[in-house]
Amino acid sequence: MEKNLTDLQKEVDDYIQQFKVGYFEPLAQMARLTEEVGELAREINHYYGPKQKKASEPAKTVAEELGDVFIVTMMMANSLDIDLTTAFNENMTKFYNRDAKRFERKEDEDEN
């Protein structure tokens, strides 16, 4: 069974609710999200950039680090009572409107 974003947010909330500490304060969550994005940047640099991974560094993947960013984002959204499905839909509408003529479309290439 595939899960939708609402299911994923609920699963993260169920996970957090089992601990007395609950959700961290927003600033602490922002620091954690920043840390996870930094780890993602490091992996991107290892895979696609000039920086080679040290032999002593643990094996991680870009997918793993993106997953961490995604889960921490859901934790932050949950703690702030933000429905990510709604946020996604509103942001996609913004992108569609803002970028409607911003980039050359593939079908524009085909016409030439």
N, C-alpha and C. Protein backbone atom coordinates (compact mmCIF):
# COMPACT_ATOMS: atom_id res chain seq x y z
N MET A 1 0.84 -1.19 0.00
CA MET A 1 0.00 0.00 0.00
C MET A 1 0.88 1.25 0.00
N GLU A 2 0.66 2.11 -0.95
CA GLU A 2 1.39 3.37 -1.00
C GLU A 2 0.80 4.35 0.01
N LYS A 3 1.64 5.16 0.57
CA LYS A 3 1.21 6.15 1.55
C LYS A 3 1.20 7.52 0.90
N ASN A 4 0.22 8.33 1.28
CA ASN A 4 0.21 9.71 0.80
C ASN A 4 0.87 10.60 1.86
N LEU A 5 1.00 11.85 1.58
CA LEU A 5 1.69 12.77 2.48
C LEU A 5 1.02 12.85 3.85
N THR A 6 -0.29 12.81 3.87
CA THR A 6 -1.02 12.83 5.14
C THR A 6 -0.67 11.60 5.97
N ASP A 7 -0.62 10.44 5.32
CA ASP A 7 -0.23 9.20 6.02
C ASP A 7 1.18 9.31 6.58
N LEU A 8 2.08 9.88 5.79
CA LEU A 8 3.47 10.02 6.22
C LEU A 8 3.58 10.96 7.42
N GLN A 9 2.87 12.07 7.37
CA GLN A 9 2.89 12.99 8.51
C GLN A 9 2.33 12.32 9.76
N LYS A 10 1.29 11.53 9.60
CA LYS A 10 0.70 10.81 10.74
C LYS A 10 1.69 9.80 11.30
N GLU A 11 2.38 9.08 10.43
CA GLU A 11 3.36 8.10 10.89
C GLU A 11 4.49 8.77 11.68
N VAL A 12 4.95 9.90 11.19
CA VAL A 12 5.99 10.64 11.90
C VAL A 12 5.45 11.12 13.25
N ASP A 13 4.22 11.62 13.28
CA ASP A 13 3.62 12.07 14.53
C ASP A 13 3.47 10.91 15.52
N ASP A 14 3.00 9.77 15.04
CA ASP A 14 2.88 8.59 15.92
C ASP A 14 4.24 8.22 16.51
N TYR A 15 5.27 8.31 15.71
CA TYR A 15 6.63 8.01 16.17
C TYR A 15 7.03 8.98 17.28
N ILE A 16 6.84 10.28 17.04
CA ILE A 16 7.25 11.30 18.01
C ILE A 16 6.43 11.21 19.30
N GLN A 17 5.15 10.89 19.18
CA GLN A 17 4.27 10.88 20.36
C GLN A 17 4.63 9.81 21.38
N GLN A 18 5.45 8.85 21.01
CA GLN A 18 5.84 7.82 21.98
C GLN A 18 6.91 8.30 22.96
N PHE A 19 7.47 9.47 22.73
CA PHE A 19 8.54 10.00 23.57
C PHE A 19 8.04 11.15 24.43
N LYS A 20 8.48 11.20 25.68
CA LYS A 20 8.07 12.27 26.60
C LYS A 20 8.46 13.64 26.10
N VAL A 21 9.63 13.75 25.47
CA VAL A 21 10.11 15.05 25.02
C VAL A 21 9.24 15.64 23.91
N GLY A 22 8.61 14.79 23.10
CA GLY A 22 7.77 15.28 22.01
C GLY A 22 8.57 16.03 20.97
N TYR A 23 7.93 17.00 20.36
CA TYR A 23 8.59 17.80 19.33
C TYR A 23 9.49 18.83 19.98
N PHE A 24 10.63 19.09 19.35
CA PHE A 24 11.52 20.15 19.80
C PHE A 24 10.90 21.50 19.44
N GLU A 25 11.41 22.54 20.06
CA GLU A 25 10.96 23.91 19.73
C GLU A 25 11.36 24.23 18.29
N PRO A 26 10.65 25.16 17.64
CA PRO A 26 10.93 25.47 16.23
C PRO A 26 12.38 25.83 15.93
N LEU A 27 13.03 26.60 16.79
CA LEU A 27 14.40 26.99 16.51
C LEU A 27 15.34 25.77 16.55
N ALA A 28 15.11 24.87 17.50
CA ALA A 28 15.91 23.65 17.58
C ALA A 28 15.66 22.78 16.35
N GLN A 29 14.41 22.74 15.88
CA GLN A 29 14.10 21.97 14.68
C GLN A 29 14.75 22.59 13.46
N MET A 30 14.79 23.90 13.40
CA MET A 30 15.44 24.57 12.27
C MET A 30 16.92 24.24 12.27
N ALA A 31 17.54 24.21 13.44
CA ALA A 31 18.95 23.85 13.53
C ALA A 31 19.16 22.42 13.06
N ARG A 32 18.25 21.52 13.44
CA ARG A 32 18.37 20.12 13.00
C ARG A 32 18.18 19.99 11.50
N LEU A 33 17.22 20.72 10.95
CA LEU A 33 17.00 20.69 9.51
C LEU A 33 18.23 21.22 8.77
N THR A 34 18.81 22.29 9.29
CA THR A 34 20.02 22.85 8.69
C THR A 34 21.15 21.84 8.72
N GLU A 35 21.28 21.13 9.83
CA GLU A 35 22.31 20.09 9.95
C GLU A 35 22.10 19.00 8.91
N GLU A 36 20.85 18.57 8.73
CA GLU A 36 20.55 17.52 7.76
C GLU A 36 20.80 18.00 6.33
N VAL A 37 20.48 19.24 6.04
CA VAL A 37 20.75 19.79 4.71
C VAL A 37 22.25 19.86 4.48
N GLY A 38 23.01 20.18 5.52
CA GLY A 38 24.47 20.18 5.41
C GLY A 38 25.01 18.80 5.09
N GLU A 39 24.44 17.77 5.73
CA GLU A 39 24.86 16.40 5.44
C GLU A 39 24.51 16.01 4.01
N LEU A 40 23.37 16.47 3.54
CA LEU A 40 22.98 16.23 2.15
C LEU A 40 23.97 16.91 1.21
N ALA A 41 24.32 18.15 1.52
CA ALA A 41 25.28 18.89 0.68
C ALA A 41 26.62 18.16 0.63
N ARG A 42 27.03 17.62 1.75
CA ARG A 42 28.29 16.88 1.80
C ARG A 42 28.25 15.65 0.89
N GLU A 43 27.15 14.92 0.92
CA GLU A 43 27.01 13.74 0.06
C GLU A 43 26.96 14.13 -1.41
N ILE A 44 26.24 15.21 -1.73
CA ILE A 44 26.19 15.69 -3.11
C ILE A 44 27.60 16.03 -3.57
N ASN A 45 28.37 16.68 -2.71
CA ASN A 45 29.74 17.04 -3.05
C ASN A 45 30.59 15.79 -3.27
N HIS A 46 30.37 14.74 -2.48
CA HIS A 46 31.13 13.50 -2.65
C HIS A 46 30.79 12.81 -3.97
N TYR A 47 29.51 12.79 -4.32
CA TYR A 47 29.08 12.07 -5.52
C TYR A 47 29.27 12.86 -6.80
N TYR A 48 29.04 14.17 -6.74
CA TYR A 48 29.00 14.96 -7.96
C TYR A 48 30.04 16.07 -8.01
N GLY A 49 30.74 16.28 -6.92
CA GLY A 49 31.71 17.36 -6.86
C GLY A 49 33.13 16.83 -6.74
N PRO A 50 34.05 17.73 -6.50
CA PRO A 50 35.46 17.36 -6.47
C PRO A 50 35.92 16.74 -5.16
N LYS A 51 35.12 16.85 -4.12
CA LYS A 51 35.57 16.38 -2.80
C LYS A 51 35.37 14.87 -2.67
N GLN A 52 36.46 14.17 -2.48
CA GLN A 52 36.41 12.71 -2.31
C GLN A 52 36.12 12.38 -0.85
N LYS A 53 35.37 11.31 -0.66
CA LYS A 53 35.05 10.84 0.68
C LYS A 53 36.30 10.19 1.28
N LYS A 54 36.53 10.46 2.55
CA LYS A 54 37.64 9.81 3.26
C LYS A 54 37.29 8.36 3.51
N ALA A 55 38.29 7.49 3.52
CA ALA A 55 38.07 6.07 3.77
C ALA A 55 37.45 5.83 5.14
N SER A 56 37.70 6.73 6.08
CA SER A 56 37.17 6.57 7.44
C SER A 56 35.72 7.03 7.59
N GLU A 57 35.19 7.71 6.57
CA GLU A 57 33.82 8.21 6.65
C GLU A 57 32.81 7.09 6.39
N PRO A 58 31.70 7.09 7.14
CA PRO A 58 30.70 6.05 6.92
C PRO A 58 30.04 6.19 5.54
N ALA A 59 29.66 5.05 4.99
CA ALA A 59 28.98 5.06 3.69
C ALA A 59 27.56 5.58 3.88
N LYS A 60 27.23 6.61 3.15
CA LYS A 60 25.88 7.17 3.14
C LYS A 60 25.54 7.47 1.70
N THR A 61 24.26 7.67 1.43
CA THR A 61 23.85 7.97 0.07
C THR A 61 23.07 9.28 0.03
N VAL A 62 22.98 9.84 -1.14
CA VAL A 62 22.18 11.05 -1.33
C VAL A 62 20.73 10.75 -0.96
N ALA A 63 20.23 9.58 -1.33
CA ALA A 63 18.84 9.21 -1.01
C ALA A 63 18.63 9.17 0.51
N GLU A 64 19.58 8.60 1.22
CA GLU A 64 19.47 8.53 2.68
C GLU A 64 19.41 9.93 3.28
N GLU A 65 20.27 10.81 2.81
CA GLU A 65 20.30 12.16 3.35
C GLU A 65 19.05 12.95 2.96
N LEU A 66 18.55 12.76 1.73
CA LEU A 66 17.28 13.40 1.35
C LEU A 66 16.14 12.90 2.23
N GLY A 67 16.16 11.61 2.54
CA GLY A 67 15.16 11.04 3.43
C GLY A 67 15.19 11.69 4.80
N ASP A 68 16.40 11.92 5.33
CA ASP A 68 16.52 12.60 6.62
C ASP A 68 15.94 14.01 6.55
N VAL A 69 16.25 14.74 5.48
CA VAL A 69 15.71 16.09 5.31
C VAL A 69 14.19 16.04 5.25
N PHE A 70 13.66 15.07 4.53
CA PHE A 70 12.21 14.94 4.37
C PHE A 70 11.53 14.66 5.71
N ILE A 71 12.08 13.73 6.48
CA ILE A 71 11.47 13.38 7.76
C ILE A 71 11.55 14.54 8.75
N VAL A 72 12.69 15.20 8.82
CA VAL A 72 12.82 16.34 9.72
C VAL A 72 11.89 17.46 9.29
N THR A 73 11.70 17.63 7.99
CA THR A 73 10.73 18.62 7.48
C THR A 73 9.32 18.27 7.96
N MET A 74 8.97 16.99 7.90
CA MET A 74 7.64 16.57 8.38
C MET A 74 7.51 16.79 9.88
N MET A 75 8.56 16.53 10.64
CA MET A 75 8.52 16.79 12.08
C MET A 75 8.25 18.26 12.36
N MET A 76 8.95 19.11 11.63
CA MET A 76 8.76 20.55 11.82
C MET A 76 7.33 20.96 11.44
N ALA A 77 6.86 20.46 10.32
CA ALA A 77 5.50 20.78 9.89
C ALA A 77 4.48 20.32 10.93
N ASN A 78 4.64 19.11 11.41
CA ASN A 78 3.71 18.59 12.42
C ASN A 78 3.70 19.47 13.66
N SER A 79 4.89 19.84 14.14
CA SER A 79 4.96 20.63 15.37
C SER A 79 4.34 22.00 15.20
N LEU A 80 4.33 22.51 13.98
CA LEU A 80 3.74 23.82 13.70
C LEU A 80 2.33 23.73 13.15
N ASP A 81 1.78 22.50 13.16
CA ASP A 81 0.41 22.23 12.69
C ASP A 81 0.23 22.66 11.23
N ILE A 82 1.20 22.29 10.40
CA ILE A 82 1.15 22.59 8.97
C ILE A 82 0.85 21.31 8.21
N ASP A 83 -0.19 21.33 7.43
CA ASP A 83 -0.54 20.20 6.56
C ASP A 83 0.30 20.33 5.30
N LEU A 84 1.23 19.40 5.11
CA LEU A 84 2.14 19.50 3.97
C LEU A 84 1.45 19.28 2.63
N THR A 85 0.34 18.58 2.61
CA THR A 85 -0.41 18.43 1.35
C THR A 85 -0.93 19.79 0.91
N THR A 86 -1.51 20.52 1.84
CA THR A 86 -2.00 21.87 1.54
C THR A 86 -0.84 22.78 1.14
N ALA A 87 0.24 22.73 1.90
CA ALA A 87 1.41 23.56 1.58
C ALA A 87 1.95 23.21 0.20
N PHE A 88 2.01 21.92 -0.12
CA PHE A 88 2.48 21.50 -1.44
C PHE A 88 1.59 22.06 -2.54
N ASN A 89 0.29 21.86 -2.40
CA ASN A 89 -0.65 22.32 -3.43
C ASN A 89 -0.57 23.83 -3.63
N GLU A 90 -0.50 24.58 -2.54
CA GLU A 90 -0.41 26.03 -2.64
C GLU A 90 0.90 26.46 -3.31
N ASN A 91 1.98 25.77 -2.97
CA ASN A 91 3.27 26.13 -3.57
C ASN A 91 3.35 25.74 -5.04
N MET A 92 2.77 24.62 -5.41
CA MET A 92 2.77 24.25 -6.83
C MET A 92 1.97 25.24 -7.65
N THR A 93 0.85 25.71 -7.11
CA THR A 93 0.07 26.74 -7.80
C THR A 93 0.92 27.99 -7.99
N LYS A 94 1.67 28.37 -6.95
CA LYS A 94 2.56 29.53 -7.04
C LYS A 94 3.61 29.30 -8.14
N PHE A 95 4.22 28.11 -8.17
CA PHE A 95 5.23 27.81 -9.19
C PHE A 95 4.63 27.86 -10.59
N TYR A 96 3.46 27.24 -10.76
CA TYR A 96 2.82 27.24 -12.08
C TYR A 96 2.56 28.66 -12.56
N ASN A 97 2.10 29.51 -11.67
CA ASN A 97 1.80 30.90 -12.05
C ASN A 97 3.06 31.72 -12.25
N ARG A 98 3.98 31.65 -11.31
CA ARG A 98 5.19 32.45 -11.37
C ARG A 98 6.09 32.07 -12.54
N ASP A 99 6.18 30.77 -12.80
CA ASP A 99 7.13 30.28 -13.79
C ASP A 99 6.48 29.90 -15.13
N ALA A 100 5.26 30.33 -15.34
CA ALA A 100 4.54 29.94 -16.57
C ALA A 100 5.33 30.27 -17.83
N LYS A 101 6.03 31.38 -17.83
CA LYS A 101 6.79 31.78 -19.02
C LYS A 101 8.26 32.00 -18.71
N ARG A 102 8.69 31.53 -17.57
CA ARG A 102 10.07 31.78 -17.12
C ARG A 102 11.11 30.95 -17.86
N PHE A 103 10.81 29.69 -18.12
CA PHE A 103 11.77 28.78 -18.74
C PHE A 103 11.25 28.31 -20.10
N GLU A 104 12.18 28.06 -21.01
CA GLU A 104 11.80 27.52 -22.31
C GLU A 104 11.29 26.10 -22.12
N ARG A 105 10.17 25.82 -22.72
CA ARG A 105 9.56 24.49 -22.58
C ARG A 105 10.07 23.55 -23.66
N LYS A 106 10.04 22.27 -23.36
CA LYS A 106 10.50 21.26 -24.30
C LYS A 106 9.69 21.29 -25.59
N GLU A 107 8.39 21.48 -25.49
CA GLU A 107 7.58 21.51 -26.70
C GLU A 107 7.93 22.71 -27.58
N ASP A 108 8.46 23.79 -26.98
CA ASP A 108 8.93 24.93 -27.75
C ASP A 108 10.12 24.54 -28.63
N GLU A 109 10.99 23.66 -28.13
CA GLU A 109 12.14 23.15 -28.90
C GLU A 109 11.66 22.35 -30.11
N ASP A 110 10.63 21.54 -29.89
CA ASP A 110 10.13 20.66 -30.95
C ASP A 110 9.57 21.43 -32.14
N GLU A 111 9.08 22.65 -31.87
CA GLU A 111 8.50 23.46 -32.93
C GLU A 111 9.56 24.04 -33.86
N ASN A 112 10.80 24.13 -33.42
CA ASN A 112 11.86 24.74 -34.23
C ASN A 112 12.46 23.75 -35.18
